[in-house]
Amino acid sequence: MRRDSMTQLTELLGRMQAGDATARDALFAAAYTELQRLARARLRDGGRNTVLDTTCLVHESYLRFVTAGQLRAEDRRAFFAYASQVMRSVIVNSVRDQIAEKRGGDWQPVTLSTNLLANVADGEENGAEGA
């Protein structure tokens, strides 16, 4: 990462901490290449069991940043450390979702009842026995 882009990231982090609403998006735009590099490393190191690609991981991480609220990163190093943790969390959740899907994921549990005969009308019960 070039020196001027490091300075830009530090400046954007400062603006974001000061409450500048546009600084967050500008920060991610400025850090995008480095975030992709970080995502590539994360996927290479332990995310092989996921369907995420580099771009998807960066975008999912960005959405987590946005929904999490206020980002507390004092400097560039803290920002990328936090981004790495968020990426790991996205990968872990993706793998958990895949495992859950393999085991029936969205199936609805059914409660089995032994009181079925109590709900059957008398005429139907006799007809079933004679068959």
N, C-alpha and C. Protein backbone atom coordinates (compact mmCIF):
# COMPACT_ATOMS: atom_id res chain seq x y z
N MET A 1 0.85 -1.17 0.00
CA MET A 1 0.00 0.00 0.00
C MET A 1 0.89 1.23 0.00
N ARG A 2 0.59 2.17 -0.86
CA ARG A 2 1.42 3.38 -1.00
C ARG A 2 1.22 4.29 0.20
N ARG A 3 2.21 5.12 0.44
CA ARG A 3 2.23 6.02 1.59
C ARG A 3 1.06 7.00 1.55
N ASP A 4 0.74 7.57 0.36
CA ASP A 4 -0.34 8.55 0.29
C ASP A 4 -1.70 7.90 0.54
N SER A 5 -1.87 6.63 0.14
CA SER A 5 -3.15 5.96 0.42
C SER A 5 -3.24 5.60 1.90
N MET A 6 -2.11 5.31 2.55
CA MET A 6 -2.14 5.07 4.00
C MET A 6 -2.55 6.33 4.73
N THR A 7 -2.02 7.46 4.30
CA THR A 7 -2.39 8.74 4.90
C THR A 7 -3.87 9.03 4.65
N GLN A 8 -4.35 8.73 3.46
CA GLN A 8 -5.76 8.95 3.13
C GLN A 8 -6.65 8.11 4.03
N LEU A 9 -6.29 6.84 4.26
CA LEU A 9 -7.09 5.98 5.12
C LEU A 9 -7.12 6.50 6.56
N THR A 10 -5.99 6.93 7.05
CA THR A 10 -5.92 7.48 8.40
C THR A 10 -6.78 8.73 8.51
N GLU A 11 -6.73 9.56 7.50
CA GLU A 11 -7.55 10.78 7.48
C GLU A 11 -9.04 10.44 7.46
N LEU A 12 -9.41 9.47 6.62
CA LEU A 12 -10.82 9.06 6.54
C LEU A 12 -11.30 8.44 7.85
N LEU A 13 -10.44 7.67 8.50
CA LEU A 13 -10.80 7.10 9.81
C LEU A 13 -11.06 8.21 10.83
N GLY A 14 -10.21 9.22 10.80
CA GLY A 14 -10.40 10.37 11.69
C GLY A 14 -11.70 11.10 11.41
N ARG A 15 -12.00 11.31 10.14
CA ARG A 15 -13.26 11.97 9.78
C ARG A 15 -14.46 11.14 10.21
N MET A 16 -14.34 9.83 10.05
CA MET A 16 -15.43 8.95 10.43
C MET A 16 -15.65 9.01 11.95
N GLN A 17 -14.58 9.00 12.71
CA GLN A 17 -14.68 9.08 14.17
C GLN A 17 -15.28 10.42 14.60
N ALA A 18 -15.06 11.45 13.80
CA ALA A 18 -15.60 12.77 14.10
C ALA A 18 -17.07 12.90 13.71
N GLY A 19 -17.62 11.86 13.08
CA GLY A 19 -19.04 11.87 12.76
C GLY A 19 -19.38 12.19 11.32
N ASP A 20 -18.40 12.24 10.44
CA ASP A 20 -18.65 12.49 9.02
C ASP A 20 -19.32 11.26 8.41
N ALA A 21 -20.57 11.41 8.01
CA ALA A 21 -21.35 10.29 7.50
C ALA A 21 -20.83 9.76 6.16
N THR A 22 -20.21 10.59 5.38
CA THR A 22 -19.71 10.15 4.07
C THR A 22 -18.34 9.48 4.14
N ALA A 23 -17.67 9.61 5.27
CA ALA A 23 -16.31 9.09 5.40
C ALA A 23 -16.27 7.57 5.36
N ARG A 24 -17.30 6.90 5.89
CA ARG A 24 -17.29 5.44 5.92
C ARG A 24 -17.25 4.87 4.50
N ASP A 25 -18.12 5.35 3.63
CA ASP A 25 -18.14 4.85 2.27
C ASP A 25 -16.84 5.20 1.54
N ALA A 26 -16.33 6.39 1.78
CA ALA A 26 -15.07 6.79 1.17
C ALA A 26 -13.92 5.92 1.69
N LEU A 27 -13.98 5.56 2.96
CA LEU A 27 -12.96 4.69 3.56
C LEU A 27 -12.94 3.33 2.87
N PHE A 28 -14.12 2.75 2.69
CA PHE A 28 -14.17 1.44 2.05
C PHE A 28 -13.76 1.52 0.58
N ALA A 29 -14.10 2.58 -0.07
CA ALA A 29 -13.68 2.75 -1.47
C ALA A 29 -12.16 2.85 -1.55
N ALA A 30 -11.58 3.61 -0.64
CA ALA A 30 -10.12 3.79 -0.65
C ALA A 30 -9.39 2.51 -0.24
N ALA A 31 -10.00 1.71 0.63
CA ALA A 31 -9.36 0.51 1.14
C ALA A 31 -9.74 -0.75 0.37
N TYR A 32 -10.54 -0.60 -0.66
CA TYR A 32 -11.12 -1.76 -1.35
C TYR A 32 -10.07 -2.75 -1.84
N THR A 33 -9.03 -2.27 -2.47
CA THR A 33 -7.98 -3.16 -3.00
C THR A 33 -7.31 -3.92 -1.87
N GLU A 34 -7.01 -3.23 -0.79
CA GLU A 34 -6.38 -3.89 0.35
C GLU A 34 -7.34 -4.87 1.03
N LEU A 35 -8.62 -4.53 1.07
CA LEU A 35 -9.62 -5.44 1.64
C LEU A 35 -9.74 -6.70 0.78
N GLN A 36 -9.66 -6.56 -0.52
CA GLN A 36 -9.70 -7.74 -1.39
C GLN A 36 -8.47 -8.63 -1.16
N ARG A 37 -7.34 -8.01 -0.97
CA ARG A 37 -6.11 -8.76 -0.69
C ARG A 37 -6.26 -9.53 0.63
N LEU A 38 -6.83 -8.86 1.63
CA LEU A 38 -7.07 -9.48 2.93
C LEU A 38 -8.07 -10.63 2.80
N ALA A 39 -9.12 -10.43 2.03
CA ALA A 39 -10.14 -11.46 1.81
C ALA A 39 -9.53 -12.68 1.11
N ARG A 40 -8.69 -12.43 0.14
CA ARG A 40 -8.03 -13.52 -0.59
C ARG A 40 -7.19 -14.34 0.39
N ALA A 41 -6.48 -13.68 1.28
CA ALA A 41 -5.67 -14.38 2.27
C ALA A 41 -6.55 -15.16 3.24
N ARG A 42 -7.65 -14.57 3.67
CA ARG A 42 -8.58 -15.24 4.58
C ARG A 42 -9.16 -16.50 3.93
N LEU A 43 -9.56 -16.40 2.69
CA LEU A 43 -10.14 -17.55 2.01
C LEU A 43 -9.09 -18.63 1.75
N ARG A 44 -7.88 -18.22 1.47
CA ARG A 44 -6.80 -19.18 1.23
C ARG A 44 -6.43 -19.90 2.52
N ASP A 45 -6.44 -19.17 3.65
CA ASP A 45 -5.99 -19.75 4.93
C ASP A 45 -7.01 -20.65 5.60
N GLY A 46 -8.28 -20.47 5.33
CA GLY A 46 -9.22 -21.31 6.05
C GLY A 46 -10.63 -21.29 5.53
N GLY A 47 -10.85 -20.63 4.43
CA GLY A 47 -12.21 -20.52 3.94
C GLY A 47 -12.50 -21.37 2.73
N ARG A 48 -11.75 -22.45 2.57
CA ARG A 48 -11.94 -23.28 1.39
C ARG A 48 -13.30 -23.98 1.38
N ASN A 49 -13.90 -24.13 2.53
CA ASN A 49 -15.17 -24.84 2.62
C ASN A 49 -16.37 -23.92 2.44
N THR A 50 -16.16 -22.78 1.90
CA THR A 50 -17.24 -21.81 1.74
C THR A 50 -17.48 -21.54 0.26
N VAL A 51 -18.66 -21.05 -0.04
CA VAL A 51 -18.98 -20.71 -1.43
C VAL A 51 -18.66 -19.24 -1.71
N LEU A 52 -18.11 -18.55 -0.74
CA LEU A 52 -17.78 -17.15 -0.91
C LEU A 52 -16.56 -16.99 -1.81
N ASP A 53 -16.59 -15.93 -2.62
CA ASP A 53 -15.38 -15.55 -3.34
C ASP A 53 -14.86 -14.26 -2.71
N THR A 54 -13.76 -13.78 -3.20
CA THR A 54 -13.13 -12.59 -2.62
C THR A 54 -14.05 -11.39 -2.60
N THR A 55 -14.67 -11.08 -3.73
CA THR A 55 -15.55 -9.91 -3.82
C THR A 55 -16.74 -10.05 -2.89
N CYS A 56 -17.34 -11.23 -2.87
CA CYS A 56 -18.49 -11.47 -2.01
C CYS A 56 -18.11 -11.29 -0.54
N LEU A 57 -16.94 -11.78 -0.16
CA LEU A 57 -16.48 -11.66 1.23
C LEU A 57 -16.27 -10.19 1.61
N VAL A 58 -15.69 -9.42 0.72
CA VAL A 58 -15.49 -7.99 1.00
C VAL A 58 -16.84 -7.29 1.15
N HIS A 59 -17.77 -7.59 0.26
CA HIS A 59 -19.08 -6.93 0.31
C HIS A 59 -19.89 -7.35 1.53
N GLU A 60 -19.86 -8.63 1.86
CA GLU A 60 -20.56 -9.09 3.07
C GLU A 60 -19.96 -8.45 4.32
N SER A 61 -18.65 -8.31 4.34
CA SER A 61 -17.99 -7.66 5.48
C SER A 61 -18.40 -6.21 5.58
N TYR A 62 -18.48 -5.54 4.44
CA TYR A 62 -18.92 -4.14 4.43
C TYR A 62 -20.34 -4.02 5.01
N LEU A 63 -21.21 -4.94 4.61
CA LEU A 63 -22.58 -4.91 5.15
C LEU A 63 -22.59 -5.12 6.65
N ARG A 64 -21.71 -5.95 7.15
CA ARG A 64 -21.60 -6.15 8.60
C ARG A 64 -21.14 -4.86 9.28
N PHE A 65 -20.18 -4.18 8.66
CA PHE A 65 -19.72 -2.91 9.21
C PHE A 65 -20.88 -1.92 9.31
N VAL A 66 -21.65 -1.84 8.24
CA VAL A 66 -22.75 -0.87 8.17
C VAL A 66 -23.81 -1.18 9.21
N THR A 67 -24.18 -2.46 9.34
CA THR A 67 -25.24 -2.81 10.28
C THR A 67 -24.77 -2.81 11.73
N ALA A 68 -23.47 -2.94 11.94
CA ALA A 68 -22.94 -2.97 13.30
C ALA A 68 -22.99 -1.59 13.95
N GLY A 69 -23.13 -0.57 13.17
CA GLY A 69 -23.18 0.77 13.75
C GLY A 69 -21.84 1.46 13.67
N GLN A 70 -21.41 1.98 14.78
CA GLN A 70 -20.21 2.80 14.83
C GLN A 70 -18.95 1.95 14.82
N LEU A 71 -18.06 2.22 13.90
CA LEU A 71 -16.78 1.54 13.82
C LEU A 71 -15.78 2.31 14.68
N ARG A 72 -15.14 1.60 15.58
CA ARG A 72 -14.13 2.22 16.44
C ARG A 72 -12.75 1.72 16.06
N ALA A 73 -12.12 2.40 15.14
CA ALA A 73 -10.76 2.05 14.74
C ALA A 73 -9.95 3.34 14.72
N GLU A 74 -8.94 3.38 15.56
CA GLU A 74 -8.14 4.60 15.70
C GLU A 74 -7.18 4.83 14.54
N ASP A 75 -6.71 3.74 13.97
CA ASP A 75 -5.74 3.88 12.89
C ASP A 75 -5.95 2.79 11.84
N ARG A 76 -5.16 2.86 10.82
CA ARG A 76 -5.25 1.95 9.69
C ARG A 76 -5.06 0.50 10.13
N ARG A 77 -4.10 0.26 10.99
CA ARG A 77 -3.82 -1.10 11.48
C ARG A 77 -5.02 -1.68 12.22
N ALA A 78 -5.62 -0.89 13.09
CA ALA A 78 -6.81 -1.35 13.83
C ALA A 78 -7.98 -1.60 12.89
N PHE A 79 -8.13 -0.78 11.88
CA PHE A 79 -9.20 -0.96 10.91
C PHE A 79 -9.05 -2.30 10.18
N PHE A 80 -7.86 -2.61 9.70
CA PHE A 80 -7.66 -3.86 8.97
C PHE A 80 -7.71 -5.07 9.90
N ALA A 81 -7.29 -4.92 11.14
CA ALA A 81 -7.43 -6.01 12.11
C ALA A 81 -8.91 -6.31 12.34
N TYR A 82 -9.70 -5.26 12.50
CA TYR A 82 -11.14 -5.44 12.68
C TYR A 82 -11.77 -6.03 11.42
N ALA A 83 -11.36 -5.56 10.26
CA ALA A 83 -11.88 -6.09 8.99
C ALA A 83 -11.56 -7.58 8.88
N SER A 84 -10.38 -7.99 9.30
CA SER A 84 -9.99 -9.39 9.26
C SER A 84 -10.89 -10.23 10.17
N GLN A 85 -11.19 -9.72 11.35
CA GLN A 85 -12.09 -10.43 12.27
C GLN A 85 -13.49 -10.56 11.68
N VAL A 86 -13.97 -9.48 11.07
CA VAL A 86 -15.30 -9.52 10.46
C VAL A 86 -15.32 -10.53 9.32
N MET A 87 -14.28 -10.56 8.51
CA MET A 87 -14.21 -11.52 7.41
C MET A 87 -14.21 -12.94 7.94
N ARG A 88 -13.49 -13.18 9.00
CA ARG A 88 -13.48 -14.52 9.60
C ARG A 88 -14.89 -14.90 10.06
N SER A 89 -15.58 -13.96 10.67
CA SER A 89 -16.95 -14.20 11.13
C SER A 89 -17.88 -14.52 9.96
N VAL A 90 -17.73 -13.80 8.87
CA VAL A 90 -18.55 -14.06 7.68
C VAL A 90 -18.27 -15.46 7.14
N ILE A 91 -17.01 -15.86 7.10
CA ILE A 91 -16.64 -17.19 6.61
C ILE A 91 -17.23 -18.27 7.52
N VAL A 92 -17.07 -18.10 8.83
CA VAL A 92 -17.59 -19.09 9.78
C VAL A 92 -19.10 -19.22 9.64
N ASN A 93 -19.80 -18.10 9.54
CA ASN A 93 -21.25 -18.15 9.39
C ASN A 93 -21.66 -18.81 8.08
N SER A 94 -20.91 -18.57 7.03
CA SER A 94 -21.20 -19.18 5.74
C SER A 94 -21.06 -20.69 5.82
N VAL A 95 -19.99 -21.16 6.45
CA VAL A 95 -19.77 -22.60 6.60
C VAL A 95 -20.86 -23.20 7.48
N ARG A 96 -21.22 -22.53 8.56
CA ARG A 96 -22.31 -23.03 9.43
C ARG A 96 -23.61 -23.14 8.66
N ASP A 97 -23.91 -22.15 7.83
CA ASP A 97 -25.13 -22.20 7.02
C ASP A 97 -25.10 -23.39 6.06
N GLN A 98 -23.94 -23.65 5.46
CA GLN A 98 -23.82 -24.79 4.55
C GLN A 98 -24.05 -26.10 5.28
N ILE A 99 -23.49 -26.23 6.46
CA ILE A 99 -23.65 -27.45 7.25
C ILE A 99 -25.11 -27.62 7.66
N ALA A 100 -25.74 -26.53 8.08
CA ALA A 100 -27.16 -26.60 8.45
C ALA A 100 -28.01 -27.00 7.26
N GLU A 101 -27.69 -26.49 6.09
CA GLU A 101 -28.44 -26.82 4.89
C GLU A 101 -28.30 -28.31 4.55
N LYS A 102 -27.11 -28.85 4.76
CA LYS A 102 -26.90 -30.28 4.50
C LYS A 102 -27.75 -31.13 5.44
N ARG A 103 -28.02 -30.60 6.63
CA ARG A 103 -28.78 -31.35 7.62
C ARG A 103 -30.24 -30.94 7.66
N GLY A 104 -30.74 -30.39 6.58
CA GLY A 104 -32.15 -30.07 6.51
C GLY A 104 -32.47 -28.61 6.72
N GLY A 105 -31.50 -27.80 6.98
CA GLY A 105 -31.59 -26.35 7.11
C GLY A 105 -32.92 -25.72 7.40
N ASP A 106 -33.80 -25.68 6.41
CA ASP A 106 -35.05 -24.94 6.59
C ASP A 106 -36.25 -25.85 6.84
N TRP A 107 -36.01 -27.09 7.17
CA TRP A 107 -37.12 -27.99 7.49
C TRP A 107 -37.79 -27.53 8.77
N GLN A 108 -39.08 -27.67 8.80
CA GLN A 108 -39.85 -27.31 9.99
C GLN A 108 -40.00 -28.55 10.86
N PRO A 109 -39.75 -28.44 12.17
CA PRO A 109 -39.91 -29.61 13.03
C PRO A 109 -41.39 -30.01 13.14
N VAL A 110 -41.64 -31.29 13.21
CA VAL A 110 -42.99 -31.81 13.33
C VAL A 110 -43.09 -32.55 14.65
N THR A 111 -44.12 -32.24 15.41
CA THR A 111 -44.34 -32.91 16.67
C THR A 111 -45.23 -34.12 16.41
N LEU A 112 -44.77 -35.28 16.80
CA LEU A 112 -45.54 -36.48 16.63
C LEU A 112 -46.48 -36.63 17.83
N SER A 113 -47.68 -37.07 17.55
CA SER A 113 -48.68 -37.20 18.60
C SER A 113 -49.24 -38.61 18.61
N THR A 114 -49.45 -39.15 19.79
CA THR A 114 -50.08 -40.46 19.93
C THR A 114 -51.59 -40.34 20.09
N ASN A 115 -52.12 -39.14 20.07
CA ASN A 115 -53.54 -38.90 20.25
C ASN A 115 -54.28 -38.80 18.93
N LEU A 116 -53.77 -39.39 17.88
CA LEU A 116 -54.42 -39.29 16.58
C LEU A 116 -55.80 -39.93 16.57
N LEU A 117 -55.96 -41.06 17.24
CA LEU A 117 -57.25 -41.74 17.24
C LEU A 117 -58.32 -40.91 17.93
N ALA A 118 -57.95 -40.09 18.89
CA ALA A 118 -58.93 -39.26 19.59
C ALA A 118 -59.51 -38.21 18.65
N ASN A 119 -58.78 -37.87 17.60
CA ASN A 119 -59.23 -36.86 16.66
C ASN A 119 -60.01 -37.43 15.48
N VAL A 120 -60.05 -38.76 15.36
CA VAL A 120 -60.73 -39.41 14.24
C VAL A 120 -62.19 -39.67 14.63
N ALA A 121 -63.10 -39.40 13.74
CA ALA A 121 -64.52 -39.65 14.01
C ALA A 121 -64.77 -41.14 14.15
N ASP A 122 -65.79 -41.53 14.92
CA ASP A 122 -66.07 -42.93 15.19
C ASP A 122 -66.25 -43.75 13.93
N GLY A 123 -66.96 -43.23 12.95
CA GLY A 123 -67.21 -43.97 11.72
C GLY A 123 -65.94 -44.25 10.95
N GLU A 124 -65.03 -43.32 10.94
CA GLU A 124 -63.77 -43.48 10.22
C GLU A 124 -62.89 -44.52 10.89
N GLU A 125 -62.94 -44.54 12.23
CA GLU A 125 -62.10 -45.48 12.98
C GLU A 125 -62.49 -46.91 12.67
N ASN A 126 -63.79 -47.19 12.63
CA ASN A 126 -64.25 -48.55 12.35
C ASN A 126 -63.93 -48.97 10.92
N GLY A 127 -64.08 -48.04 10.00
CA GLY A 127 -63.79 -48.33 8.60
C GLY A 127 -62.32 -48.67 8.39
N ALA A 128 -61.45 -48.04 9.15
CA ALA A 128 -60.03 -48.29 9.00
C ALA A 128 -59.66 -49.66 9.52
N GLU A 129 -60.38 -50.13 10.56
CA GLU A 129 -60.04 -51.43 11.14
C GLU A 129 -60.48 -52.57 10.25
N GLY A 130 -61.60 -52.36 9.54
CA GLY A 130 -62.12 -53.42 8.70
C GLY A 130 -61.36 -53.58 7.40
N ALA A 131 -60.53 -52.66 7.05
CA ALA A 131 -59.84 -52.69 5.77
C ALA A 131 -58.67 -53.59 5.76
